[in-house]
């Protein structure tokens, strides 16, 4: 009996000294606690004044997939004015006033899709540390060339439909220009921030920054063609402030 016990103990000790067949559980990742959000709102719209630049036609004959997607008709997207005279694709965000506050990024990725030989959406925002999912929805080769200044640049290819790649940014940067070296008309912009207070104008040129903590801020409106404008804004608890921007040509 003593012999049997000794054999069992020896076997257990030998197994403990060997390499385990089970993969150890990863250590939990420490997350910076988020600053409690506020109850203020900044909302408004972006108006365009002046002559609207006519869109330039894009020649698609070099890629039959792109040509078939648009029946040979495609125009540049750098200036899109709504019927009511408001401006689309303006990135509005808090530029200053959040120093010292920490906001954990969402787990859900921001999606940048390549469909019809265009980037969708044309302008959007993302938080530092939030995943960016880049997808090719076309039956043709695309490459995604990120022209960064503060973050690591990258240039990756997606030759087949359905391919996806993930990237992440470590520093705030407004704005990052993306282009496709295969299709030179493909262009889009991504604003990277360390907080969630940003929006992009669409129909009606409207925007809204919600859950803003009470305080004094500088809000900036960015457009790829017409540059930037800023406004000084004070927001109290439960207050809604209206901010309007006007870009001219």
Foldseek 3Di string as FASTA:
>chain_A
DVVVVVVVVVVVVVVVVDDDPDDDDDDDDDFDDFDQFFFEKEKAFEFEDEDFDDWDWDADVVDVQLCVLPVRTDTADQWDAAPVRTTFFKKKFFDDDQPPGAHTFDADEAEWEQDSNETPPQEEEGEAPHKYKYFYQTQAKWWKWKDDDPWDTDIGIDGGHGDIDIDGTHDFDPWIKIATPVRRSYIHIYGYHRDDQMDTADVVRMDMGGRHAFTWTKMKIQGPPQGIDIDIDGIHGNYYHYDYHYGYD
